């Protein structure tokens, strides 16, 4: 694959939100739309084949020991900074 330099013309891919060199854009766009999906919750791009894993790992609801319900990805920060039962 060719190296991308900052001085090369690029376009923003509407699907994955990455800057893609113009000379490679059409091929990237076809591949990206076929294989990359955007998470409906966090709006981050992920391989479509991994979306179920991402949703289960990051966005499933969990309950903290303080009985607050939140997304699994938020639990660590909540436990460290917000939870009334933190040490």
PDB file of N, CA and C in Angstrom:
ATOM      1  N   UNK A   1       0.852  -1.179   0.000  1.00  0.00           N
ATOM      2  CA  UNK A   1       0.000   0.000   0.000  1.00  0.00           C
ATOM      3  C   UNK A   1       0.892   1.235   0.000  1.00  0.00           C
ATOM      4  N   UNK A   2       0.484   2.239  -0.743  1.00  0.00           N
ATOM      5  CA  UNK A   2       1.274   3.464  -0.830  1.00  0.00           C
ATOM      6  C   UNK A   2       1.199   4.232   0.478  1.00  0.00           C
ATOM      7  N   UNK A   3       2.273   4.915   0.785  1.00  0.00           N
ATOM      8  CA  UNK A   3       2.310   5.728   1.996  1.00  0.00           C
ATOM      9  C   UNK A   3       1.518   7.010   1.774  1.00  0.00           C
ATOM     10  N   UNK A   4       0.801   7.459   2.772  1.00  0.00           N
ATOM     11  CA  UNK A   4       0.021   8.688   2.680  1.00  0.00           C
ATOM     12  C   UNK A   4       0.817   9.830   3.279  1.00  0.00           C
ATOM     13  N   UNK A   5       1.005  10.866   2.483  1.00  0.00           N
ATOM     14  CA  UNK A   5       1.729  12.044   2.960  1.00  0.00           C
ATOM     15  C   UNK A   5       0.733  13.168   3.197  1.00  0.00           C
ATOM     16  N   UNK A   6       1.065  14.044   4.138  1.00  0.00           N
ATOM     17  CA  UNK A   6       0.178  15.153   4.481  1.00  0.00           C
ATOM     18  C   UNK A   6      -0.075  16.098   3.315  1.00  0.00           C
ATOM     19  N   UNK A   7       0.859  16.183   2.362  1.00  0.00           N
ATOM     20  CA  UNK A   7       0.695  17.128   1.266  1.00  0.00           C
ATOM     21  C   UNK A   7      -0.111  16.544   0.102  1.00  0.00           C
ATOM     22  N   UNK A   8      -0.561  15.299   0.199  1.00  0.00           N
ATOM     23  CA  UNK A   8      -1.377  14.703  -0.842  1.00  0.00           C
ATOM     24  C   UNK A   8      -2.832  15.107  -0.642  1.00  0.00           C
ATOM     25  N   UNK A   9      -3.553  15.228  -1.754  1.00  0.00           N
ATOM     26  CA  UNK A   9      -4.975  15.547  -1.671  1.00  0.00           C
ATOM     27  C   UNK A   9      -5.716  14.365  -1.053  1.00  0.00           C
ATOM     28  N   UNK A  10      -6.681  14.670  -0.223  1.00  0.00           N
ATOM     29  CA  UNK A  10      -7.461  13.617   0.426  1.00  0.00           C
ATOM     30  C   UNK A  10      -8.921  14.020   0.502  1.00  0.00           C
ATOM     31  N   UNK A  11      -9.752  13.033   0.755  1.00  0.00           N
ATOM     32  CA  UNK A  11     -11.188  13.254   0.951  1.00  0.00           C
ATOM     33  C   UNK A  11     -11.605  12.531   2.220  1.00  0.00           C
ATOM     34  N   UNK A  12     -12.604  13.067   2.870  1.00  0.00           N
ATOM     35  CA  UNK A  12     -13.145  12.457   4.079  1.00  0.00           C
ATOM     36  C   UNK A  12     -14.168  11.395   3.688  1.00  0.00           C
ATOM     37  N   UNK A  13     -13.950  10.187   4.160  1.00  0.00           N
ATOM     38  CA  UNK A  13     -14.904   9.106   3.917  1.00  0.00           C
ATOM     39  C   UNK A  13     -16.131   9.345   4.796  1.00  0.00           C
ATOM     40  N   UNK A  14     -17.304   9.406   4.178  1.00  0.00           N
ATOM     41  CA  UNK A  14     -18.540   9.646   4.929  1.00  0.00           C
ATOM     42  C   UNK A  14     -18.883   8.492   5.867  1.00  0.00           C
ATOM     43  N   UNK A  15     -18.376   7.311   5.577  1.00  0.00           N
ATOM     44  CA  UNK A  15     -18.706   6.145   6.382  1.00  0.00           C
ATOM     45  C   UNK A  15     -17.815   6.015   7.611  1.00  0.00           C
ATOM     46  N   UNK A  16     -16.496   5.972   7.406  1.00  0.00           N
ATOM     47  CA  UNK A  16     -15.583   5.727   8.533  1.00  0.00           C
ATOM     48  C   UNK A  16     -14.984   7.009   9.105  1.00  0.00           C
ATOM     49  N   UNK A  17     -15.243   8.131   8.465  1.00  0.00           N
ATOM     50  CA  UNK A  17     -14.792   9.458   8.927  1.00  0.00           C
ATOM     51  C   UNK A  17     -13.270   9.595   8.938  1.00  0.00           C
ATOM     52  N   UNK A  18     -12.578   8.870   8.045  1.00  0.00           N
ATOM     53  CA  UNK A  18     -11.125   8.982   7.929  1.00  0.00           C
ATOM     54  C   UNK A  18     -10.771   9.722   6.650  1.00  0.00           C
ATOM     55  N   UNK A  19      -9.648  10.422   6.693  1.00  0.00           N
ATOM     56  CA  UNK A  19      -9.120  11.078   5.505  1.00  0.00           C
ATOM     57  C   UNK A  19      -8.453  10.018   4.638  1.00  0.00           C
ATOM     58  N   UNK A  20      -8.879   9.947   3.386  1.00  0.00           N
ATOM     59  CA  UNK A  20      -8.380   8.940   2.457  1.00  0.00           C
ATOM     60  C   UNK A  20      -7.747   9.653   1.265  1.00  0.00           C
ATOM     61  N   UNK A  21      -6.560   9.219   0.830  1.00  0.00           N
ATOM     62  CA  UNK A  21      -5.947   9.828  -0.354  1.00  0.00           C
ATOM     63  C   UNK A  21      -6.890   9.739  -1.552  1.00  0.00           C
ATOM     64  N   UNK A  22      -6.987  10.823  -2.306  1.00  0.00           N
ATOM     65  CA  UNK A  22      -7.907  10.886  -3.439  1.00  0.00           C
ATOM     66  C   UNK A  22      -7.657   9.747  -4.424  1.00  0.00           C
ATOM     67  N   UNK A  23      -6.392   9.429  -4.681  1.00  0.00           N
ATOM     68  CA  UNK A  23      -6.086   8.390  -5.669  1.00  0.00           C
ATOM     69  C   UNK A  23      -6.627   7.025  -5.256  1.00  0.00           C
ATOM     70  N   UNK A  24      -6.946   6.823  -4.004  1.00  0.00           N
ATOM     71  CA  UNK A  24      -7.410   5.535  -3.493  1.00  0.00           C
ATOM     72  C   UNK A  24      -8.863   5.602  -3.008  1.00  0.00           C
ATOM     73  N   UNK A  25      -9.505   6.746  -3.151  1.00  0.00           N
ATOM     74  CA  UNK A  25     -10.792   6.976  -2.506  1.00  0.00           C
ATOM     75  C   UNK A  25     -11.900   6.053  -3.014  1.00  0.00           C
ATOM     76  N   UNK A  26     -12.021   5.881  -4.313  1.00  0.00           N
ATOM     77  CA  UNK A  26     -13.114   5.072  -4.856  1.00  0.00           C
ATOM     78  C   UNK A  26     -13.043   3.636  -4.358  1.00  0.00           C
ATOM     79  N   UNK A  27     -11.869   3.055  -4.406  1.00  0.00           N
ATOM     80  CA  UNK A  27     -11.702   1.680  -3.921  1.00  0.00           C
ATOM     81  C   UNK A  27     -11.981   1.609  -2.422  1.00  0.00           C
ATOM     82  N   UNK A  28     -11.469   2.582  -1.669  1.00  0.00           N
ATOM     83  CA  UNK A  28     -11.716   2.607  -0.226  1.00  0.00           C
ATOM     84  C   UNK A  28     -13.210   2.695   0.055  1.00  0.00           C
ATOM     85  N   UNK A  29     -13.893   3.592  -0.624  1.00  0.00           N
ATOM     86  CA  UNK A  29     -15.315   3.819  -0.368  1.00  0.00           C
ATOM     87  C   UNK A  29     -16.137   2.553  -0.603  1.00  0.00           C
ATOM     88  N   UNK A  30     -15.853   1.846  -1.688  1.00  0.00           N
ATOM     89  CA  UNK A  30     -16.572   0.602  -1.982  1.00  0.00           C
ATOM     90  C   UNK A  30     -16.326  -0.423  -0.875  1.00  0.00           C
ATOM     91  N   UNK A  31     -15.075  -0.600  -0.515  1.00  0.00           N
ATOM     92  CA  UNK A  31     -14.719  -1.562   0.540  1.00  0.00           C
ATOM     93  C   UNK A  31     -15.322  -1.152   1.881  1.00  0.00           C
ATOM     94  N   UNK A  32     -15.215   0.113   2.207  1.00  0.00           N
ATOM     95  CA  UNK A  32     -15.666   0.618   3.501  1.00  0.00           C
ATOM     96  C   UNK A  32     -17.178   0.459   3.667  1.00  0.00           C
ATOM     97  N   UNK A  33     -17.937   0.838   2.641  1.00  0.00           N
ATOM     98  CA  UNK A  33     -19.393   0.734   2.746  1.00  0.00           C
ATOM     99  C   UNK A  33     -19.851  -0.715   2.860  1.00  0.00           C
ATOM    100  N   UNK A  34     -19.089  -1.613   2.272  1.00  0.00           N
ATOM    101  CA  UNK A  34     -19.444  -3.030   2.325  1.00  0.00           C
ATOM    102  C   UNK A  34     -19.075  -3.657   3.669  1.00  0.00           C
ATOM    103  N   UNK A  35     -17.979  -3.202   4.270  1.00  0.00           N
ATOM    104  CA  UNK A  35     -17.414  -3.898   5.426  1.00  0.00           C
ATOM    105  C   UNK A  35     -17.437  -3.147   6.753  1.00  0.00           C
ATOM    106  N   UNK A  36     -17.629  -1.845   6.723  1.00  0.00           N
ATOM    107  CA  UNK A  36     -17.566  -1.048   7.941  1.00  0.00           C
ATOM    108  C   UNK A  36     -18.947  -0.478   8.253  1.00  0.00           C
ATOM    109  N   UNK A  37     -19.363  -0.636   9.493  1.00  0.00           N
ATOM    110  CA  UNK A  37     -20.614  -0.059   9.957  1.00  0.00           C
ATOM    111  C   UNK A  37     -20.331   0.948  11.058  1.00  0.00           C
ATOM    112  N   UNK A  38     -21.274   1.818  11.292  1.00  0.00           N
ATOM    113  CA  UNK A  38     -21.127   2.823  12.337  1.00  0.00           C
ATOM    114  C   UNK A  38     -22.042   2.433  13.492  1.00  0.00           C
ATOM    115  N   UNK A  39     -21.463   2.358  14.677  1.00  0.00           N
ATOM    116  CA  UNK A  39     -22.236   1.997  15.861  1.00  0.00           C
ATOM    117  C   UNK A  39     -23.361   3.009  16.062  1.00  0.00           C
ATOM    118  N   UNK A  40     -24.594   2.552  16.213  1.00  0.00           N
ATOM    119  CA  UNK A  40     -25.707   3.484  16.394  1.00  0.00           C
ATOM    120  C   UNK A  40     -25.679   4.203  17.742  1.00  0.00           C
ATOM    121  N   UNK A  41     -24.901   3.710  18.681  1.00  0.00           N
ATOM    122  CA  UNK A  41     -24.841   4.321  20.008  1.00  0.00           C
ATOM    123  C   UNK A  41     -23.711   5.336  20.107  1.00  0.00           C
ATOM    124  N   UNK A  42     -22.480   4.896  19.828  1.00  0.00           N
ATOM    125  CA  UNK A  42     -21.323   5.784  20.014  1.00  0.00           C
ATOM    126  C   UNK A  42     -20.833   6.416  18.720  1.00  0.00           C
ATOM    127  N   UNK A  43     -21.420   6.015  17.590  1.00  0.00           N
ATOM    128  CA  UNK A  43     -21.090   6.580  16.275  1.00  0.00           C
ATOM    129  C   UNK A  43     -19.667   6.286  15.822  1.00  0.00           C
ATOM    130  N   UNK A  44     -19.010   5.305  16.423  1.00  0.00           N
ATOM    131  CA  UNK A  44     -17.656   4.914  16.017  1.00  0.00           C
ATOM    132  C   UNK A  44     -17.747   3.856  14.919  1.00  0.00           C
ATOM    133  N   UNK A  45     -16.831   3.898  13.951  1.00  0.00           N
ATOM    134  CA  UNK A  45     -16.834   2.875  12.902  1.00  0.00           C
ATOM    135  C   UNK A  45     -16.215   1.567  13.390  1.00  0.00           C
ATOM    136  N   UNK A  46     -16.834   0.452  13.008  1.00  0.00           N
ATOM    137  CA  UNK A  46     -16.351  -0.882  13.357  1.00  0.00           C
ATOM    138  C   UNK A  46     -16.610  -1.813  12.188  1.00  0.00           C
ATOM    139  N   UNK A  47     -15.810  -2.862  12.050  1.00  0.00           N
ATOM    140  CA  UNK A  47     -16.145  -3.877  11.050  1.00  0.00           C
ATOM    141  C   UNK A  47     -17.549  -4.413  11.335  1.00  0.00           C
ATOM    142  N   UNK A  48     -18.352  -4.525  10.292  1.00  0.00           N
ATOM    143  CA  UNK A  48     -19.715  -5.022  10.480  1.00  0.00           C
ATOM    144  C   UNK A  48     -19.722  -6.383  11.162  1.00  0.00           C
ATOM    145  N   UNK A  49     -18.719  -7.191  10.871  1.00  0.00           N
ATOM    146  CA  UNK A  49     -18.656  -8.526  11.470  1.00  0.00           C
ATOM    147  C   UNK A  49     -18.403  -8.485  12.973  1.00  0.00           C
ATOM    148  N   UNK A  50     -17.916  -7.360  13.487  1.00  0.00           N
ATOM    149  CA  UNK A  50     -17.627  -7.222  14.919  1.00  0.00           C
ATOM    150  C   UNK A  50     -18.664  -6.391  15.677  1.00  0.00           C
ATOM    151  N   UNK A  51     -19.703  -5.928  14.994  1.00  0.00           N
ATOM    152  CA  UNK A  51     -20.648  -5.006  15.621  1.00  0.00           C
ATOM    153  C   UNK A  51     -21.380  -5.648  16.800  1.00  0.00           C
ATOM    154  N   UNK A  52     -21.802  -6.897  16.677  1.00  0.00           N
ATOM    155  CA  UNK A  52     -22.491  -7.563  17.797  1.00  0.00           C
ATOM    156  C   UNK A  52     -21.574  -7.677  19.007  1.00  0.00           C
ATOM    157  N   UNK A  53     -20.312  -8.001  18.768  1.00  0.00           N
ATOM    158  CA  UNK A  53     -19.337  -8.098  19.862  1.00  0.00           C
ATOM    159  C   UNK A  53     -19.142  -6.730  20.507  1.00  0.00           C
ATOM    160  N   UNK A  54     -19.017  -5.695  19.682  1.00  0.00           N
ATOM    161  CA  UNK A  54     -18.853  -4.329  20.196  1.00  0.00           C
ATOM    162  C   UNK A  54     -20.054  -3.933  21.051  1.00  0.00           C
ATOM    163  N   UNK A  55     -21.247  -4.180  20.559  1.00  0.00           N
ATOM    164  CA  UNK A  55     -22.453  -3.800  21.301  1.00  0.00           C
ATOM    165  C   UNK A  55     -22.512  -4.524  22.644  1.00  0.00           C
ATOM    166  N   UNK A  56     -22.195  -5.808  22.657  1.00  0.00           N
ATOM    167  CA  UNK A  56     -22.238  -6.584  23.899  1.00  0.00           C
ATOM    168  C   UNK A  56     -21.142  -6.152  24.865  1.00  0.00           C
ATOM    169  N   UNK A  57     -19.974  -5.835  24.342  1.00  0.00           N
ATOM    170  CA  UNK A  57     -18.842  -5.490  25.202  1.00  0.00           C
ATOM    171  C   UNK A  57     -18.916  -4.062  25.727  1.00  0.00           C
ATOM    172  N   UNK A  58     -19.465  -3.156  24.954  1.00  0.00           N
ATOM    173  CA  UNK A  58     -19.409  -1.742  25.315  1.00  0.00           C
ATOM    174  C   UNK A  58     -20.745  -1.136  25.741  1.00  0.00           C
ATOM    175  N   UNK A  59     -21.830  -1.585  25.169  1.00  0.00           N
ATOM    176  CA  UNK A  59     -23.093  -0.871  25.355  1.00  0.00           C
ATOM    177  C   UNK A  59     -24.170  -1.640  26.111  1.00  0.00           C
ATOM    178  N   UNK A  60     -23.874  -2.844  26.579  1.00  0.00           N
ATOM    179  CA  UNK A  60     -24.887  -3.563  27.352  1.00  0.00           C
ATOM    180  C   UNK A  60     -25.081  -2.855  28.698  1.00  0.00           C
ATOM    181  N   UNK A  61     -26.264  -2.973  29.233  1.00  0.00           N
ATOM    182  CA  UNK A  61     -26.580  -2.349  30.516  1.00  0.00           C
ATOM    183  C   UNK A  61     -26.061  -3.214  31.662  1.00  0.00           C
ATOM    184  N   UNK A  62     -25.422  -2.586  32.604  1.00  0.00           N
ATOM    185  CA  UNK A  62     -24.960  -3.264  33.816  1.00  0.00           C
ATOM    186  C   UNK A  62     -25.445  -2.450  35.013  1.00  0.00           C
ATOM    187  N   UNK A  63     -25.423  -3.061  36.170  1.00  0.00           N
ATOM    188  CA  UNK A  63     -25.832  -2.380  37.394  1.00  0.00           C
ATOM    189  C   UNK A  63     -24.646  -2.324  38.340  1.00  0.00           C
ATOM    190  N   UNK A  64     -24.318  -1.140  38.790  1.00  0.00           N
ATOM    191  CA  UNK A  64     -23.239  -0.935  39.751  1.00  0.00           C
ATOM    192  C   UNK A  64     -23.696  -1.428  41.129  1.00  0.00           C
ATOM    193  N   UNK A  65     -22.736  -1.621  42.020  1.00  0.00           N
ATOM    194  CA  UNK A  65     -23.074  -2.040  43.385  1.00  0.00           C
ATOM    195  C   UNK A  65     -23.930  -0.999  44.104  1.00  0.00           C
ATOM    196  N   UNK A  66     -23.955   0.241  43.585  1.00  0.00           N
ATOM    197  CA  UNK A  66     -24.811   1.283  44.169  1.00  0.00           C
ATOM    198  C   UNK A  66     -26.203   1.274  43.544  1.00  0.00           C
ATOM    199  N   UNK A  67     -26.454   0.297  42.671  1.00  0.00           N
ATOM    200  CA  UNK A  67     -27.733   0.100  41.981  1.00  0.00           C
ATOM    201  C   UNK A  67     -27.986   1.061  40.833  1.00  0.00           C
ATOM    202  N   UNK A  68     -26.994   1.829  40.425  1.00  0.00           N
ATOM    203  CA  UNK A  68     -27.151   2.690  39.251  1.00  0.00           C
ATOM    204  C   UNK A  68     -26.948   1.845  38.003  1.00  0.00           C
ATOM    205  N   UNK A  69     -27.859   1.994  37.016  1.00  0.00           N
ATOM    206  CA  UNK A  69     -27.746   1.293  35.748  1.00  0.00           C
ATOM    207  C   UNK A  69     -27.012   2.192  34.758  1.00  0.00           C
ATOM    208  N   UNK A  70     -26.042   1.598  34.074  1.00  0.00           N
ATOM    209  CA  UNK A  70     -25.289   2.336  33.067  1.00  0.00           C
ATOM    210  C   UNK A  70     -24.682   1.377  32.067  1.00  0.00           C
ATOM    211  N   UNK A  71     -24.094   1.935  30.994  1.00  0.00           N
ATOM    212  CA  UNK A  71     -23.452   1.094  30.000  1.00  0.00           C
ATOM    213  C   UNK A  71     -22.174   0.504  30.575  1.00  0.00           C
ATOM    214  N   UNK A  72     -21.855  -0.698  30.130  1.00  0.00           N
ATOM    215  CA  UNK A  72     -20.668  -1.390  30.627  1.00  0.00           C
ATOM    216  C   UNK A  72     -19.414  -0.534  30.460  1.00  0.00           C
ATOM    217  N   UNK A  73     -19.307   0.194  29.340  1.00  0.00           N
ATOM    218  CA  UNK A  73     -18.112   1.011  29.089  1.00  0.00           C
ATOM    219  C   UNK A  73     -17.996   2.183  30.060  1.00  0.00           C
ATOM    220  N   UNK A  74     -19.057   2.532  30.738  1.00  0.00           N
ATOM    221  CA  UNK A  74     -19.054   3.649  31.681  1.00  0.00           C
ATOM    222  C   UNK A  74     -18.800   3.212  33.121  1.00  0.00           C
ATOM    223  N   UNK A  75     -18.835   1.913  33.375  1.00  0.00           N
ATOM    224  CA  UNK A  75     -18.769   1.408  34.747  1.00  0.00           C
ATOM    225  C   UNK A  75     -17.464   1.764  35.451  1.00  0.00           C
ATOM    226  N   UNK A  76     -16.334   1.600  34.798  1.00  0.00           N
ATOM    227  CA  UNK A  76     -15.048   1.853  35.451  1.00  0.00           C
ATOM    228  C   UNK A  76     -14.941   3.307  35.912  1.00  0.00           C
ATOM    229  N   UNK A  77     -15.265   4.241  35.019  1.00  0.00           N
ATOM    230  CA  UNK A  77     -15.182   5.654  35.404  1.00  0.00           C
ATOM    231  C   UNK A  77     -16.167   5.972  36.523  1.00  0.00           C
ATOM    232  N   UNK A  78     -17.371   5.441  36.426  1.00  0.00           N
ATOM    233  CA  UNK A  78     -18.371   5.657  37.471  1.00  0.00           C
ATOM    234  C   UNK A  78     -17.851   5.149  38.819  1.00  0.00           C
ATOM    235  N   UNK A  79     -17.306   3.926  38.819  1.00  0.00           N
ATOM    236  CA  UNK A  79     -16.822   3.319  40.065  1.00  0.00           C
ATOM    237  C   UNK A  79     -15.657   4.102  40.664  1.00  0.00           C
ATOM    238  N   UNK A  80     -14.835   4.704  39.816  1.00  0.00           N
ATOM    239  CA  UNK A  80     -13.659   5.436  40.300  1.00  0.00           C
ATOM    240  C   UNK A  80     -13.951   6.878  40.696  1.00  0.00           C
ATOM    241  N   UNK A  81     -14.953   7.500  40.073  1.00  0.00           N
ATOM    242  CA  UNK A  81     -15.142   8.938  40.300  1.00  0.00           C
ATOM    243  C   UNK A  81     -16.512   9.353  40.816  1.00  0.00           C
ATOM    244  N   UNK A  82     -17.552   8.554  40.581  1.00  0.00           N
ATOM    245  CA  UNK A  82     -18.905   9.007  40.892  1.00  0.00           C
ATOM    246  C   UNK A  82     -19.643   8.161  41.917  1.00  0.00           C
ATOM    247  N   UNK A  83     -19.333   6.893  41.970  1.00  0.00           N
ATOM    248  CA  UNK A  83     -20.102   5.961  42.795  1.00  0.00           C
ATOM    249  C   UNK A  83     -20.046   6.355  44.270  1.00  0.00           C
ATOM    250  N   UNK A  84     -21.192   6.469  44.916  1.00  0.00           N
ATOM    251  CA  UNK A  84     -21.192   6.805  46.340  1.00  0.00           C
ATOM    252  C   UNK A  84     -20.594   5.694  47.215  1.00  0.00           C
ATOM    253  N   UNK A  85     -20.438   4.487  46.661  1.00  0.00           N
ATOM    254  CA  UNK A  85     -19.871   3.376  47.425  1.00  0.00           C
ATOM    255  C   UNK A  85     -18.387   3.152  47.125  1.00  0.00           C
ATOM    256  N   UNK A  86     -17.770   4.053  46.367  1.00  0.00           N
ATOM    257  CA  UNK A  86     -16.338   3.877  46.065  1.00  0.00           C
ATOM    258  C   UNK A  86     -15.523   4.076  47.338  1.00  0.00           C
ATOM    259  N   UNK A  87     -14.365   3.491  47.365  1.00  0.00           N
ATOM    260  CA  UNK A  87     -13.509   3.569  48.557  1.00  0.00           C
ATOM    261  C   UNK A  87     -12.758   4.875  48.607  1.00  0.00           C
TER     262      UNK A  87
END
